[in-house]
Amino acid sequence: ALLGNDDLGRPVLDRLLVGARTSFVVGVGVVALSAAVGTLVGAVAGLAGGWVDLTLVRLVDVFLAFPGILLAIALAGILGPGVDNVIVALAVVGWVGYARLARAQVLTLKRRDHVAAARALGAGPARILRRHLLPLALAPLVVEATFGVAAAVVAEAGLSFLGLGVQPPDASWGGMIRDGVGYMLVAPHLVLAPGLAIVLVVLSVNLLGDALRDRLDVRLAGP
């Protein structure tokens, strides 16, 4: 078989493919949960202002005070191993970036004339946020989410390497690297194959994010 078998006789290529599914589920799940929570918190803070904004900003500052990967390791250790718990642990760490970005976008957009017109016509805060602010703030949030997928793939691999992520018999690229470390001298492909898979996925997603940023950013777009 291509790439051979691991120390337990399992096909390495098959486990790579199953590990890709795991990375996809974790990446999309983390970004979806983080973006939903962070965008809501940041948008509400930016639109409400006053003590609401101050309180939510201080909450974001508290989360930013902790090193992200260490907080994710602690949460994963408390919640226990498993795909669902990894998604929750990484989302708890990752929502703050979306919150800061959404707040900055809303603070800029809420001063525009169409928002003032909507207020004059009696639109409530929820309608203004849903119809007039979030659609315009969507482009930078989509770009941030693209880069977030790459970060989640790397973080999941790190947690699985430490034994806090996906557990056997389920396959994970981080777990495959951990299992193959002891055979580096005799079978380096057990480490190199999942490592190369992580590199290629992260590189591809980052290139996609750069392309989206250039496409959606009107300041960089050509005439």
Protein backbone atom coordinates (compact mmCIF):
# COMPACT_ATOMS: atom_id res chain seq x y z
CA ALA A 1 0.00 0.00 0.00
CA LEU A 2 1.09 3.57 -0.65
CA LEU A 3 3.02 4.90 2.40
CA GLY A 4 2.83 1.42 3.95
CA ASN A 5 1.41 0.58 7.36
CA ASP A 6 2.06 1.91 10.84
CA ASP A 7 3.32 -0.05 13.85
CA LEU A 8 -0.12 -1.62 14.36
CA GLY A 9 -0.55 -2.62 10.74
CA ARG A 10 -2.98 0.18 9.86
CA PRO A 11 -2.62 1.76 6.37
CA VAL A 12 -0.99 5.18 6.74
CA LEU A 13 -2.77 6.60 3.69
CA ASP A 14 -6.19 5.60 5.01
CA ARG A 15 -5.43 7.21 8.35
CA LEU A 16 -4.26 10.36 6.58
CA LEU A 17 -7.60 10.61 4.81
CA VAL A 18 -9.56 10.01 8.01
CA GLY A 19 -7.34 12.56 9.76
CA ALA A 20 -8.22 15.07 7.04
CA ARG A 21 -11.89 14.62 7.88
CA THR A 22 -11.12 15.18 11.55
CA SER A 23 -9.19 18.37 10.78
CA PHE A 24 -12.02 19.60 8.54
CA VAL A 25 -14.67 18.98 11.19
CA VAL A 26 -12.62 20.67 13.91
CA GLY A 27 -11.58 23.62 11.71
CA VAL A 28 -15.09 24.37 10.48
CA GLY A 29 -16.66 23.72 13.88
CA VAL A 30 -14.26 25.98 15.75
CA VAL A 31 -14.59 28.81 13.23
CA ALA A 32 -18.40 28.57 13.11
CA LEU A 33 -18.74 28.66 16.90
CA SER A 34 -16.02 31.27 17.45
CA ALA A 35 -17.30 33.57 14.69
CA ALA A 36 -20.91 33.36 15.86
CA VAL A 37 -20.11 34.19 19.49
CA GLY A 38 -17.36 36.72 18.78
CA THR A 39 -19.29 38.59 16.09
CA LEU A 40 -22.37 38.86 18.30
CA VAL A 41 -20.39 40.08 21.32
CA GLY A 42 -18.31 42.56 19.32
CA ALA A 43 -21.24 43.91 17.32
CA VAL A 44 -23.39 44.42 20.43
CA ALA A 45 -20.49 46.15 22.21
CA GLY A 46 -19.82 48.47 19.28
CA LEU A 47 -23.46 49.38 18.72
CA ALA A 48 -24.50 49.76 22.36
CA GLY A 49 -21.50 51.75 23.57
CA GLY A 50 -21.34 53.03 27.15
CA TRP A 51 -21.08 50.57 30.02
CA VAL A 52 -22.07 47.64 27.80
CA ASP A 53 -19.13 48.30 25.50
CA LEU A 54 -16.76 48.82 28.42
CA THR A 55 -17.86 45.58 30.13
CA LEU A 56 -17.53 43.45 27.00
CA VAL A 57 -14.17 45.00 26.11
CA ARG A 58 -12.86 44.17 29.57
CA LEU A 59 -14.10 40.60 29.12
CA VAL A 60 -12.17 40.36 25.87
CA ASP A 61 -9.09 41.78 27.61
CA VAL A 62 -9.33 39.08 30.29
CA PHE A 63 -9.27 36.33 27.65
CA LEU A 64 -6.41 38.02 25.80
CA ALA A 65 -4.38 38.08 29.01
CA PHE A 66 -4.04 34.29 28.88
CA PRO A 67 -1.78 32.62 26.28
CA GLY A 68 -4.23 31.07 23.83
CA ILE A 69 -2.67 27.64 23.44
CA LEU A 70 -2.16 27.24 27.21
CA LEU A 71 -5.78 28.13 27.86
CA ALA A 72 -6.87 25.64 25.18
CA ILE A 73 -4.70 22.92 26.78
CA ALA A 74 -6.19 23.65 30.20
CA LEU A 75 -9.76 23.57 28.88
CA ALA A 76 -9.14 20.40 26.88
CA GLY A 77 -7.70 18.78 29.99
CA ILE A 78 -10.76 19.78 32.04
CA LEU A 79 -13.33 18.79 29.41
CA GLY A 80 -11.57 15.58 28.44
CA PRO A 81 -10.49 14.26 25.04
CA GLY A 82 -12.79 14.09 22.02
CA VAL A 83 -13.66 16.07 18.92
CA ASP A 84 -16.56 17.97 20.51
CA ASN A 85 -14.52 19.02 23.52
CA VAL A 86 -11.63 20.14 21.30
CA ILE A 87 -14.02 22.33 19.30
CA VAL A 88 -15.40 23.90 22.48
CA ALA A 89 -11.94 24.45 23.99
CA LEU A 90 -10.58 26.11 20.85
CA ALA A 91 -13.73 28.19 20.37
CA VAL A 92 -13.46 29.55 23.91
CA VAL A 93 -9.98 30.75 22.98
CA GLY A 94 -10.74 31.89 19.43
CA TRP A 95 -13.86 34.05 19.74
CA VAL A 96 -12.00 37.13 21.00
CA GLY A 97 -10.41 37.88 17.62
CA TYR A 98 -13.81 38.00 15.93
CA ALA A 99 -15.20 40.14 18.76
CA ARG A 100 -12.48 42.77 18.38
CA LEU A 101 -12.84 42.85 14.60
CA ALA A 102 -16.65 43.03 14.68
CA ARG A 103 -16.57 45.81 17.28
CA ALA A 104 -14.10 47.86 15.24
CA GLN A 105 -16.22 47.44 12.11
CA VAL A 106 -19.46 48.40 13.86
CA LEU A 107 -17.87 51.46 15.52
CA THR A 108 -16.90 52.69 12.06
CA LEU A 109 -20.09 51.76 10.22
CA LYS A 110 -22.63 53.03 12.75
CA ARG A 111 -21.62 56.65 11.98
CA ARG A 112 -22.71 56.34 8.35
CA ASP A 113 -25.71 58.20 6.98
CA HIS A 114 -27.77 55.11 6.16
CA VAL A 115 -27.62 54.03 9.81
CA ALA A 116 -28.75 57.46 10.97
CA ALA A 117 -31.58 57.30 8.43
CA ALA A 118 -32.63 53.88 9.70
CA ARG A 119 -32.72 55.22 13.26
CA ALA A 120 -34.79 58.21 12.13
CA LEU A 121 -37.30 55.82 10.54
CA GLY A 122 -37.70 53.99 13.84
CA ALA A 123 -35.53 50.92 13.29
CA GLY A 124 -34.50 49.23 16.51
CA PRO A 125 -30.94 48.18 17.42
CA ALA A 126 -31.50 44.56 16.40
CA ARG A 127 -32.80 45.53 12.95
CA ILE A 128 -29.99 48.05 12.42
CA LEU A 129 -27.44 45.42 13.38
CA ARG A 130 -28.96 42.71 11.22
CA ARG A 131 -29.86 44.73 8.12
CA HIS A 132 -27.44 47.66 8.02
CA LEU A 133 -24.24 46.80 9.91
CA LEU A 134 -23.43 43.08 9.80
CA PRO A 135 -23.75 42.75 5.98
CA LEU A 136 -21.14 45.49 5.54
CA ALA A 137 -18.86 44.02 8.20
CA LEU A 138 -19.04 40.55 6.71
CA ALA A 139 -16.07 40.76 4.32
CA PRO A 140 -13.27 41.17 6.91
CA LEU A 141 -14.96 38.60 9.15
CA VAL A 142 -14.96 36.06 6.31
CA VAL A 143 -11.25 36.65 5.75
CA GLU A 144 -10.59 36.28 9.48
CA ALA A 145 -12.58 33.05 9.49
CA THR A 146 -10.47 31.65 6.65
CA PHE A 147 -7.28 32.18 8.62
CA GLY A 148 -9.07 30.81 11.68
CA VAL A 149 -9.55 27.45 9.95
CA ALA A 150 -5.79 27.12 9.46
CA ALA A 151 -5.12 28.07 13.08
CA ALA A 152 -7.70 25.54 14.29
CA VAL A 153 -6.12 22.73 12.24
CA VAL A 154 -2.72 23.43 13.79
CA ALA A 155 -4.17 23.76 17.29
CA GLU A 156 -6.10 20.49 16.97
CA ALA A 157 -2.96 18.71 15.80
CA GLY A 158 -1.08 20.12 18.79
CA LEU A 159 -3.73 19.01 21.28
CA SER A 160 -3.90 15.54 19.72
CA PHE A 161 -0.11 15.29 19.83
CA LEU A 162 -0.29 15.99 23.57
CA GLY A 163 -3.01 13.36 24.01
CA LEU A 164 -5.75 15.91 24.74
CA GLY A 165 -7.51 15.79 21.39
CA VAL A 166 -8.86 13.00 19.22
CA GLN A 167 -8.24 9.61 20.78
CA PRO A 168 -7.50 6.21 19.16
CA PRO A 169 -8.89 4.44 17.27
CA ASP A 170 -10.00 7.69 15.59
CA ALA A 171 -7.29 9.17 13.40
CA SER A 172 -5.79 12.62 13.79
CA TRP A 173 -2.72 14.07 12.14
CA GLY A 174 -1.36 15.19 15.49
CA GLY A 175 -1.93 11.74 16.95
CA MET A 176 -0.21 10.13 13.96
CA ILE A 177 2.85 12.32 14.53
CA ARG A 178 2.89 11.38 18.21
CA ASP A 179 2.67 7.67 17.40
CA GLY A 180 5.39 7.90 14.77
CA VAL A 181 7.98 9.83 16.79
CA GLY A 182 9.40 6.62 18.26
CA TYR A 183 10.08 5.25 14.76
CA MET A 184 11.69 8.35 13.22
CA LEU A 185 14.98 6.57 12.47
CA VAL A 186 13.47 3.47 10.85
CA ALA A 187 10.21 4.83 9.39
CA PRO A 188 10.35 8.63 9.13
CA HIS A 189 7.33 8.70 6.81
CA LEU A 190 5.11 7.98 9.81
CA VAL A 191 5.89 11.53 10.98
CA LEU A 192 6.64 13.22 7.68
CA ALA A 193 3.37 12.23 5.97
CA PRO A 194 0.96 13.79 8.51
CA GLY A 195 3.35 16.70 9.05
CA LEU A 196 3.41 17.44 5.33
CA ALA A 197 -0.39 17.14 5.22
CA ILE A 198 -0.69 19.81 7.94
CA VAL A 199 1.74 22.10 6.11
CA LEU A 200 -0.10 21.77 2.79
CA VAL A 201 -3.54 22.35 4.30
CA VAL A 202 -2.46 25.38 6.32
CA LEU A 203 -0.58 26.84 3.35
CA SER A 204 -3.56 26.33 1.04
CA VAL A 205 -6.03 27.89 3.49
CA ASN A 206 -3.74 30.88 4.10
CA LEU A 207 -3.34 31.44 0.37
CA LEU A 208 -7.12 31.29 0.04
CA GLY A 209 -7.43 33.85 2.82
CA ASP A 210 -4.96 36.18 1.10
CA ALA A 211 -6.89 35.85 -2.16
CA LEU A 212 -10.19 36.59 -0.43
CA ARG A 213 -8.72 39.61 1.32
CA ASP A 214 -7.42 41.01 -1.96
CA ARG A 215 -10.76 40.33 -3.63
CA LEU A 216 -12.99 41.75 -0.90
CA ASP A 217 -10.87 44.73 0.18
CA VAL A 218 -11.94 47.65 -1.99
CA ARG A 219 -8.76 49.54 -1.12
CA LEU A 220 -6.67 46.80 -2.77
CA ALA A 221 -9.02 46.01 -5.66
CA GLY A 222 -8.21 47.37 -9.06
CA PRO A 223 -10.50 49.58 -11.12
